[in-house]
Amino acid sequence: MKKSNKVLYWSPRVLAILATLFVSLFALDAFQPGEPIAQQLAHFFVHLIPSFLLLAVLLLAWKRELAGGIIFALIGLVTSPLVFMHNYRMNNSIGMSLLIILMITIPFLVVGGLFILSHFRRRTS
């Protein structure tokens, strides 16, 4: 496998893992002082559900790049307006809301594009 093909093969996988880990950091909000530890752990695992779903999509994409790439791209496209509107309601700042989209949802759109590109690149070589 050529070096460029290796980079294209591994970059969406590594970026998907990093983006999923970043999303997982938000689950730490579940830990609040004064609440019972069992309730905090329950909230923590509920907050991790999106991360588990993203890992499932990554496993699919690992074997079926095209299908996984399309799903990752759809995740980025569908969640962007939702995340934007949620954050705009909280902070009334278009710039801040766009920055949050760049950090949270756009990486999944990029990952999807890289998986799709990798799929077609491997098919042609």
Foldseek 3Di string as FASTA:
>chain_A
DDPVLVCLLCVLLVLLVVLLVVQLVVLQVLDDPPDDPVSSVVSSVVSSVVSVVSVVLSVVCNPVLLVSLVVLLVQLVVCLVVQLVVVCVVPVDNVVSVVVSVSRRVSSNVSSVSSNVSVVVVVVD
